[in-house]
Amino acid sequence: MQILVNGECFTTDAGNLDELCGKLGFADAKIATAVNGCFVAAPARARTRLSEADEIEIVAPRQGG
């Protein structure tokens, strides 16, 4: 399916947000996620199903200043 991840077109076979995060290398990372503008807490990612044309935002904290 085609989705947007941080504004970029992306093709995936991930069925849920947790699986997508793992495929993108964020499995053990502290990140914030949103689907179609709605925040998704870490415990809810596995039950958050993905659909064609969903817009996903993944934000990782940065250090520095």
N, C-alpha and C. Protein backbone atom coordinates (compact mmCIF):
# COMPACT_ATOMS: atom_id res chain seq x y z
N MET A 1 0.84 -1.17 0.00
CA MET A 1 0.00 0.00 0.00
C MET A 1 0.88 1.23 0.00
N GLN A 2 0.34 2.32 -0.50
CA GLN A 2 1.03 3.60 -0.54
C GLN A 2 0.58 4.46 0.64
N ILE A 3 1.54 4.97 1.40
CA ILE A 3 1.26 5.88 2.51
C ILE A 3 2.25 7.04 2.43
N LEU A 4 2.05 8.04 3.25
CA LEU A 4 3.03 9.11 3.40
C LEU A 4 3.68 8.95 4.76
N VAL A 5 5.00 9.02 4.79
CA VAL A 5 5.75 8.98 6.05
C VAL A 5 6.58 10.25 6.11
N ASN A 6 6.24 11.11 7.06
CA ASN A 6 6.91 12.41 7.19
C ASN A 6 6.92 13.17 5.87
N GLY A 7 5.79 13.12 5.18
CA GLY A 7 5.62 13.87 3.93
C GLY A 7 6.17 13.21 2.69
N GLU A 8 6.77 12.04 2.81
CA GLU A 8 7.35 11.33 1.67
C GLU A 8 6.51 10.11 1.31
N CYS A 9 6.31 9.88 0.02
CA CYS A 9 5.58 8.69 -0.42
C CYS A 9 6.38 7.45 -0.04
N PHE A 10 5.67 6.43 0.42
CA PHE A 10 6.32 5.22 0.90
C PHE A 10 5.41 4.05 0.61
N THR A 11 6.00 2.96 0.12
CA THR A 11 5.25 1.73 -0.12
C THR A 11 5.59 0.75 0.98
N THR A 12 4.57 0.14 1.58
CA THR A 12 4.80 -0.80 2.68
C THR A 12 3.78 -1.92 2.66
N ASP A 13 4.16 -3.03 3.28
CA ASP A 13 3.22 -4.11 3.51
C ASP A 13 2.93 -4.25 5.01
N ALA A 14 3.40 -3.27 5.80
CA ALA A 14 3.15 -3.28 7.25
C ALA A 14 1.66 -3.17 7.51
N GLY A 15 1.17 -3.99 8.42
CA GLY A 15 -0.26 -3.98 8.73
C GLY A 15 -0.65 -3.01 9.82
N ASN A 16 0.34 -2.66 10.68
CA ASN A 16 0.02 -1.74 11.76
C ASN A 16 1.21 -0.79 11.97
N LEU A 17 0.99 0.22 12.80
CA LEU A 17 1.99 1.26 13.01
C LEU A 17 3.25 0.70 13.68
N ASP A 18 3.11 -0.21 14.60
CA ASP A 18 4.26 -0.79 15.28
C ASP A 18 5.16 -1.53 14.29
N GLU A 19 4.55 -2.29 13.41
CA GLU A 19 5.30 -3.02 12.39
C GLU A 19 6.02 -2.05 11.45
N LEU A 20 5.35 -0.98 11.06
CA LEU A 20 5.97 0.03 10.20
C LEU A 20 7.18 0.65 10.88
N CYS A 21 7.04 1.01 12.14
CA CYS A 21 8.16 1.62 12.88
C CYS A 21 9.34 0.67 12.91
N GLY A 22 9.09 -0.61 13.12
CA GLY A 22 10.16 -1.59 13.11
C GLY A 22 10.85 -1.69 11.76
N LYS A 23 10.07 -1.70 10.70
CA LYS A 23 10.63 -1.79 9.35
C LYS A 23 11.46 -0.56 9.01
N LEU A 24 11.14 0.57 9.62
CA LEU A 24 11.87 1.81 9.35
C LEU A 24 13.06 1.99 10.29
N GLY A 25 13.32 1.01 11.16
CA GLY A 25 14.48 1.07 12.03
C GLY A 25 14.24 1.76 13.37
N PHE A 26 12.99 1.95 13.74
CA PHE A 26 12.65 2.62 14.99
C PHE A 26 12.14 1.66 16.06
N ALA A 27 12.39 0.38 15.93
CA ALA A 27 11.82 -0.61 16.84
C ALA A 27 12.11 -0.32 18.30
N ASP A 28 13.33 0.05 18.64
CA ASP A 28 13.71 0.29 20.03
C ASP A 28 13.90 1.76 20.35
N ALA A 29 13.57 2.63 19.41
CA ALA A 29 13.80 4.07 19.59
C ALA A 29 12.66 4.73 20.36
N LYS A 30 12.99 5.78 21.06
CA LYS A 30 11.99 6.62 21.72
C LYS A 30 11.50 7.62 20.67
N ILE A 31 10.29 7.43 20.20
CA ILE A 31 9.74 8.28 19.15
C ILE A 31 8.31 8.68 19.50
N ALA A 32 7.85 9.70 18.82
CA ALA A 32 6.43 10.09 18.88
C ALA A 32 5.84 9.80 17.51
N THR A 33 4.60 9.30 17.50
CA THR A 33 3.97 8.95 16.23
C THR A 33 2.56 9.53 16.13
N ALA A 34 2.15 9.77 14.89
CA ALA A 34 0.79 10.23 14.62
C ALA A 34 0.32 9.61 13.31
N VAL A 35 -0.96 9.32 13.23
CA VAL A 35 -1.58 8.82 12.01
C VAL A 35 -2.70 9.77 11.66
N ASN A 36 -2.62 10.34 10.46
CA ASN A 36 -3.63 11.29 9.98
C ASN A 36 -3.88 12.42 10.98
N GLY A 37 -2.79 12.90 11.58
CA GLY A 37 -2.86 14.03 12.49
C GLY A 37 -3.24 13.71 13.91
N CYS A 38 -3.47 12.45 14.23
CA CYS A 38 -3.85 12.04 15.60
C CYS A 38 -2.68 11.32 16.26
N PHE A 39 -2.28 11.81 17.44
CA PHE A 39 -1.19 11.20 18.19
C PHE A 39 -1.52 9.75 18.51
N VAL A 40 -0.52 8.87 18.37
CA VAL A 40 -0.67 7.46 18.73
C VAL A 40 0.41 7.13 19.76
N ALA A 41 0.00 6.83 20.98
CA ALA A 41 0.94 6.47 22.04
C ALA A 41 1.59 5.12 21.74
N ALA A 42 2.79 4.91 22.27
CA ALA A 42 3.55 3.69 22.01
C ALA A 42 2.74 2.41 22.26
N PRO A 43 2.00 2.30 23.38
CA PRO A 43 1.25 1.05 23.61
C PRO A 43 0.14 0.79 22.58
N ALA A 44 -0.30 1.82 21.88
CA ALA A 44 -1.39 1.68 20.92
C ALA A 44 -0.92 1.40 19.49
N ARG A 45 0.38 1.45 19.25
CA ARG A 45 0.88 1.29 17.88
C ARG A 45 0.55 -0.07 17.28
N ALA A 46 0.62 -1.14 18.06
CA ALA A 46 0.37 -2.48 17.54
C ALA A 46 -1.08 -2.67 17.13
N ARG A 47 -1.99 -1.94 17.73
CA ARG A 47 -3.41 -2.09 17.36
C ARG A 47 -3.90 -0.96 16.43
N THR A 48 -2.97 -0.12 15.97
CA THR A 48 -3.31 0.95 15.03
C THR A 48 -3.06 0.45 13.62
N ARG A 49 -4.13 0.03 12.95
CA ARG A 49 -4.05 -0.51 11.60
C ARG A 49 -3.73 0.59 10.60
N LEU A 50 -3.00 0.25 9.57
CA LEU A 50 -2.67 1.19 8.51
C LEU A 50 -3.55 0.94 7.30
N SER A 51 -3.88 2.02 6.61
CA SER A 51 -4.71 1.93 5.40
C SER A 51 -4.05 2.72 4.28
N GLU A 52 -4.44 2.41 3.06
CA GLU A 52 -3.96 3.12 1.88
C GLU A 52 -4.12 4.63 2.09
N ALA A 53 -3.08 5.39 1.75
CA ALA A 53 -3.05 6.86 1.78
C ALA A 53 -2.99 7.46 3.18
N ASP A 54 -2.76 6.64 4.22
CA ASP A 54 -2.58 7.21 5.56
C ASP A 54 -1.37 8.13 5.56
N GLU A 55 -1.43 9.13 6.43
CA GLU A 55 -0.32 10.06 6.60
C GLU A 55 0.28 9.82 7.98
N ILE A 56 1.51 9.35 8.00
CA ILE A 56 2.20 8.98 9.22
C ILE A 56 3.28 10.01 9.52
N GLU A 57 3.35 10.42 10.77
CA GLU A 57 4.44 11.28 11.24
C GLU A 57 5.21 10.52 12.31
N ILE A 58 6.52 10.50 12.16
CA ILE A 58 7.39 9.88 13.15
C ILE A 58 8.44 10.91 13.53
N VAL A 59 8.51 11.22 14.81
CA VAL A 59 9.44 12.25 15.29
C VAL A 59 10.32 11.63 16.37
N ALA A 60 11.63 11.76 16.18
CA ALA A 60 12.59 11.29 17.18
C ALA A 60 13.24 12.50 17.83
N PRO A 61 13.41 12.47 19.16
CA PRO A 61 14.05 13.61 19.83
C PRO A 61 15.51 13.74 19.41
N ARG A 62 15.99 14.98 19.43
CA ARG A 62 17.38 15.25 19.11
C ARG A 62 18.05 15.92 20.29
N GLN A 63 19.33 15.67 20.41
CA GLN A 63 20.09 16.37 21.45
C GLN A 63 20.90 17.47 20.81
N GLY A 64 21.27 18.40 21.60
CA GLY A 64 22.08 19.50 21.08
C GLY A 64 21.32 20.79 21.20
N GLY A 65 21.88 21.81 20.63
CA GLY A 65 21.16 23.07 20.75
C GLY A 65 21.74 24.18 19.99
